[in-house]
Amino acid sequence: MVHAASSCVTSAEAWFRGVEDLYAVPDRPGLDPRRLDLYMLAMRLSLVAGPLRLFDGDSPDRAFMQGVADHNAKQAPALLPSV
């Protein structure tokens, strides 16, 4: 059972790598990098909270959703400003 969950996490991470390539931050002059980081942080936090809310119900692919939440929880701290 543990092996199946870990393979789903791997597939979730692979899926996100593909999505991140498709939706890379645009390289356009005049865009505020801090605002883009804030938007990315909001997206990451949403992609942690959303899948976790599904656990209240009977989500058909809990392991994949856990992988989505775990991946984004690992990525979010990198977007926080250093103090």
N, C-alpha and C. Protein backbone atom coordinates (compact mmCIF):
# COMPACT_ATOMS: atom_id res chain seq x y z
N MET A 1 0.82 -1.19 0.00
CA MET A 1 0.00 0.00 0.00
C MET A 1 0.86 1.26 0.00
N VAL A 2 1.91 1.30 0.77
CA VAL A 2 2.79 2.46 0.82
C VAL A 2 3.45 2.69 -0.53
N HIS A 3 3.82 1.60 -1.19
CA HIS A 3 4.47 1.73 -2.49
C HIS A 3 3.55 2.41 -3.49
N ALA A 4 2.26 2.07 -3.51
CA ALA A 4 1.32 2.69 -4.45
C ALA A 4 1.20 4.17 -4.18
N ALA A 5 1.15 4.58 -2.91
CA ALA A 5 1.03 6.00 -2.59
C ALA A 5 2.27 6.76 -3.02
N SER A 6 3.46 6.18 -2.81
CA SER A 6 4.67 6.89 -3.19
C SER A 6 4.78 7.02 -4.71
N SER A 7 4.27 6.04 -5.46
CA SER A 7 4.30 6.18 -6.91
C SER A 7 3.32 7.25 -7.38
N CYS A 8 2.20 7.43 -6.67
CA CYS A 8 1.27 8.49 -7.01
C CYS A 8 1.87 9.85 -6.73
N VAL A 9 2.62 9.98 -5.66
CA VAL A 9 3.29 11.24 -5.37
C VAL A 9 4.25 11.57 -6.50
N THR A 10 4.97 10.57 -6.97
CA THR A 10 5.89 10.77 -8.08
C THR A 10 5.14 11.20 -9.32
N SER A 11 3.99 10.60 -9.60
CA SER A 11 3.23 11.00 -10.79
C SER A 11 2.66 12.41 -10.62
N ALA A 12 2.28 12.78 -9.39
CA ALA A 12 1.78 14.14 -9.16
C ALA A 12 2.90 15.15 -9.37
N GLU A 13 4.08 14.84 -8.87
CA GLU A 13 5.21 15.76 -9.05
C GLU A 13 5.58 15.87 -10.53
N ALA A 14 5.54 14.77 -11.25
CA ALA A 14 5.84 14.80 -12.68
C ALA A 14 4.80 15.63 -13.42
N TRP A 15 3.55 15.50 -13.04
CA TRP A 15 2.48 16.28 -13.66
C TRP A 15 2.72 17.76 -13.43
N PHE A 16 3.10 18.13 -12.19
CA PHE A 16 3.33 19.54 -11.89
C PHE A 16 4.53 20.09 -12.62
N ARG A 17 5.56 19.30 -12.81
CA ARG A 17 6.72 19.79 -13.58
C ARG A 17 6.28 20.15 -14.99
N GLY A 18 5.41 19.35 -15.59
CA GLY A 18 4.90 19.66 -16.92
C GLY A 18 4.06 20.92 -16.93
N VAL A 19 3.22 21.09 -15.93
CA VAL A 19 2.38 22.29 -15.83
C VAL A 19 3.24 23.52 -15.62
N GLU A 20 4.25 23.42 -14.77
CA GLU A 20 5.12 24.56 -14.52
C GLU A 20 5.87 24.98 -15.78
N ASP A 21 6.21 24.03 -16.63
CA ASP A 21 6.85 24.37 -17.90
C ASP A 21 5.89 25.11 -18.81
N LEU A 22 4.63 24.70 -18.83
CA LEU A 22 3.65 25.35 -19.68
C LEU A 22 3.29 26.76 -19.20
N TYR A 23 3.28 26.94 -17.89
CA TYR A 23 2.86 28.21 -17.31
C TYR A 23 4.01 28.90 -16.62
N ALA A 24 5.10 29.04 -17.31
CA ALA A 24 6.27 29.72 -16.75
C ALA A 24 5.96 31.21 -16.61
N VAL A 25 6.67 31.86 -15.71
CA VAL A 25 6.49 33.30 -15.51
C VAL A 25 6.90 34.01 -16.79
N PRO A 26 6.04 34.88 -17.30
CA PRO A 26 6.37 35.58 -18.55
C PRO A 26 7.57 36.50 -18.36
N ASP A 27 8.41 36.54 -19.34
CA ASP A 27 9.57 37.41 -19.31
C ASP A 27 9.23 38.68 -20.08
N ARG A 28 8.55 39.59 -19.39
CA ARG A 28 8.12 40.83 -20.03
C ARG A 28 8.57 41.99 -19.18
N PRO A 29 9.08 43.02 -19.79
CA PRO A 29 9.49 44.19 -19.01
C PRO A 29 8.28 44.85 -18.34
N GLY A 30 8.52 45.38 -17.16
CA GLY A 30 7.46 46.10 -16.46
C GLY A 30 6.65 45.26 -15.49
N LEU A 31 6.83 43.94 -15.49
CA LEU A 31 6.10 43.11 -14.52
C LEU A 31 6.81 43.17 -13.18
N ASP A 32 6.05 43.36 -12.13
CA ASP A 32 6.60 43.45 -10.78
C ASP A 32 6.92 42.04 -10.28
N PRO A 33 8.20 41.71 -10.09
CA PRO A 33 8.55 40.35 -9.67
C PRO A 33 7.99 39.99 -8.30
N ARG A 34 7.88 40.96 -7.42
CA ARG A 34 7.33 40.66 -6.08
C ARG A 34 5.85 40.32 -6.18
N ARG A 35 5.15 40.99 -7.06
CA ARG A 35 3.72 40.69 -7.24
C ARG A 35 3.56 39.31 -7.87
N LEU A 36 4.40 38.98 -8.83
CA LEU A 36 4.34 37.65 -9.44
C LEU A 36 4.62 36.57 -8.41
N ASP A 37 5.58 36.82 -7.51
CA ASP A 37 5.86 35.86 -6.44
C ASP A 37 4.66 35.71 -5.52
N LEU A 38 3.98 36.82 -5.23
CA LEU A 38 2.79 36.77 -4.39
C LEU A 38 1.69 35.94 -5.06
N TYR A 39 1.49 36.14 -6.34
CA TYR A 39 0.48 35.37 -7.07
C TYR A 39 0.84 33.88 -7.07
N MET A 40 2.12 33.57 -7.27
CA MET A 40 2.55 32.18 -7.28
C MET A 40 2.37 31.55 -5.89
N LEU A 41 2.68 32.32 -4.85
CA LEU A 41 2.49 31.82 -3.49
C LEU A 41 1.01 31.55 -3.23
N ALA A 42 0.14 32.45 -3.66
CA ALA A 42 -1.30 32.24 -3.48
C ALA A 42 -1.76 30.99 -4.22
N MET A 43 -1.24 30.77 -5.42
CA MET A 43 -1.60 29.57 -6.17
C MET A 43 -1.12 28.32 -5.45
N ARG A 44 0.12 28.34 -4.97
CA ARG A 44 0.68 27.18 -4.26
C ARG A 44 -0.15 26.85 -3.02
N LEU A 45 -0.50 27.88 -2.24
CA LEU A 45 -1.28 27.65 -1.02
C LEU A 45 -2.67 27.12 -1.36
N SER A 46 -3.24 27.61 -2.44
CA SER A 46 -4.54 27.12 -2.88
C SER A 46 -4.45 25.65 -3.29
N LEU A 47 -3.33 25.28 -3.92
CA LEU A 47 -3.14 23.90 -4.34
C LEU A 47 -2.72 22.99 -3.19
N VAL A 48 -2.52 23.54 -2.02
CA VAL A 48 -2.37 22.74 -0.81
C VAL A 48 -3.76 22.58 -0.17
N ALA A 49 -4.45 23.70 -0.01
CA ALA A 49 -5.74 23.69 0.69
C ALA A 49 -6.82 22.93 -0.08
N GLY A 50 -6.89 23.12 -1.38
CA GLY A 50 -7.94 22.49 -2.19
C GLY A 50 -7.95 20.97 -2.08
N PRO A 51 -6.83 20.32 -2.39
CA PRO A 51 -6.82 18.86 -2.27
C PRO A 51 -7.08 18.37 -0.85
N LEU A 52 -6.61 19.10 0.15
CA LEU A 52 -6.85 18.67 1.53
C LEU A 52 -8.34 18.75 1.89
N ARG A 53 -9.05 19.73 1.32
CA ARG A 53 -10.50 19.82 1.56
C ARG A 53 -11.23 18.63 0.96
N LEU A 54 -10.70 18.07 -0.10
CA LEU A 54 -11.33 16.91 -0.73
C LEU A 54 -11.30 15.68 0.17
N PHE A 55 -10.38 15.65 1.13
CA PHE A 55 -10.30 14.51 2.03
C PHE A 55 -11.50 14.42 2.95
N ASP A 56 -12.27 15.51 3.09
CA ASP A 56 -13.49 15.46 3.90
C ASP A 56 -14.54 14.59 3.24
N GLY A 57 -14.47 14.46 1.93
CA GLY A 57 -15.44 13.64 1.19
C GLY A 57 -14.84 12.29 0.84
N ASP A 58 -15.33 11.74 -0.26
CA ASP A 58 -14.83 10.44 -0.70
C ASP A 58 -14.11 10.59 -2.04
N SER A 59 -13.02 11.34 -2.02
CA SER A 59 -12.22 11.57 -3.21
C SER A 59 -11.75 10.24 -3.78
N PRO A 60 -11.92 10.01 -5.08
CA PRO A 60 -11.56 8.72 -5.67
C PRO A 60 -10.05 8.47 -5.74
N ASP A 61 -9.24 9.52 -5.79
CA ASP A 61 -7.79 9.32 -5.92
C ASP A 61 -7.07 10.12 -4.84
N ARG A 62 -7.23 9.67 -3.62
CA ARG A 62 -6.69 10.38 -2.46
C ARG A 62 -5.16 10.48 -2.52
N ALA A 63 -4.50 9.43 -2.98
CA ALA A 63 -3.04 9.44 -3.02
C ALA A 63 -2.53 10.51 -3.98
N PHE A 64 -3.17 10.66 -5.13
CA PHE A 64 -2.75 11.69 -6.08
C PHE A 64 -2.98 13.07 -5.50
N MET A 65 -4.14 13.28 -4.87
CA MET A 65 -4.43 14.58 -4.26
C MET A 65 -3.44 14.88 -3.13
N GLN A 66 -3.06 13.87 -2.38
CA GLN A 66 -2.05 14.07 -1.33
C GLN A 66 -0.72 14.47 -1.97
N GLY A 67 -0.41 13.88 -3.11
CA GLY A 67 0.81 14.24 -3.84
C GLY A 67 0.79 15.69 -4.31
N VAL A 68 -0.36 16.15 -4.78
CA VAL A 68 -0.51 17.55 -5.22
C VAL A 68 -0.29 18.48 -4.03
N ALA A 69 -0.93 18.17 -2.90
CA ALA A 69 -0.79 19.01 -1.70
C ALA A 69 0.65 19.00 -1.21
N ASP A 70 1.29 17.83 -1.16
CA ASP A 70 2.67 17.73 -0.67
C ASP A 70 3.63 18.51 -1.56
N HIS A 71 3.49 18.37 -2.87
CA HIS A 71 4.37 19.05 -3.80
C HIS A 71 4.30 20.56 -3.61
N ASN A 72 3.09 21.09 -3.52
CA ASN A 72 2.93 22.54 -3.39
C ASN A 72 3.33 23.03 -2.00
N ALA A 73 3.16 22.21 -0.98
CA ALA A 73 3.61 22.59 0.35
C ALA A 73 5.14 22.69 0.39
N LYS A 74 5.82 21.88 -0.39
CA LYS A 74 7.28 21.94 -0.46
C LYS A 74 7.75 23.16 -1.26
N GLN A 75 6.99 23.56 -2.26
CA GLN A 75 7.39 24.66 -3.13
C GLN A 75 7.07 26.04 -2.54
N ALA A 76 6.03 26.14 -1.74
CA ALA A 76 5.57 27.44 -1.23
C ALA A 76 6.60 28.20 -0.41
N PRO A 77 7.33 27.57 0.52
CA PRO A 77 8.27 28.36 1.34
C PRO A 77 9.34 29.09 0.54
N ALA A 78 9.70 28.58 -0.60
CA ALA A 78 10.71 29.24 -1.43
C ALA A 78 10.22 30.61 -1.93
N LEU A 79 8.92 30.83 -1.93
CA LEU A 79 8.35 32.08 -2.43
C LEU A 79 8.17 33.12 -1.34
N LEU A 80 8.42 32.74 -0.09
CA LEU A 80 8.29 33.69 1.02
C LEU A 80 9.50 34.61 1.04
N PRO A 81 9.28 35.88 1.35
CA PRO A 81 10.43 36.80 1.40
C PRO A 81 11.35 36.44 2.56
N SER A 82 12.63 36.58 2.31
CA SER A 82 13.60 36.32 3.39
C SER A 82 13.65 37.55 4.30
N VAL A 83 13.78 37.28 5.57
CA VAL A 83 13.77 38.39 6.54
C VAL A 83 15.16 38.64 7.05
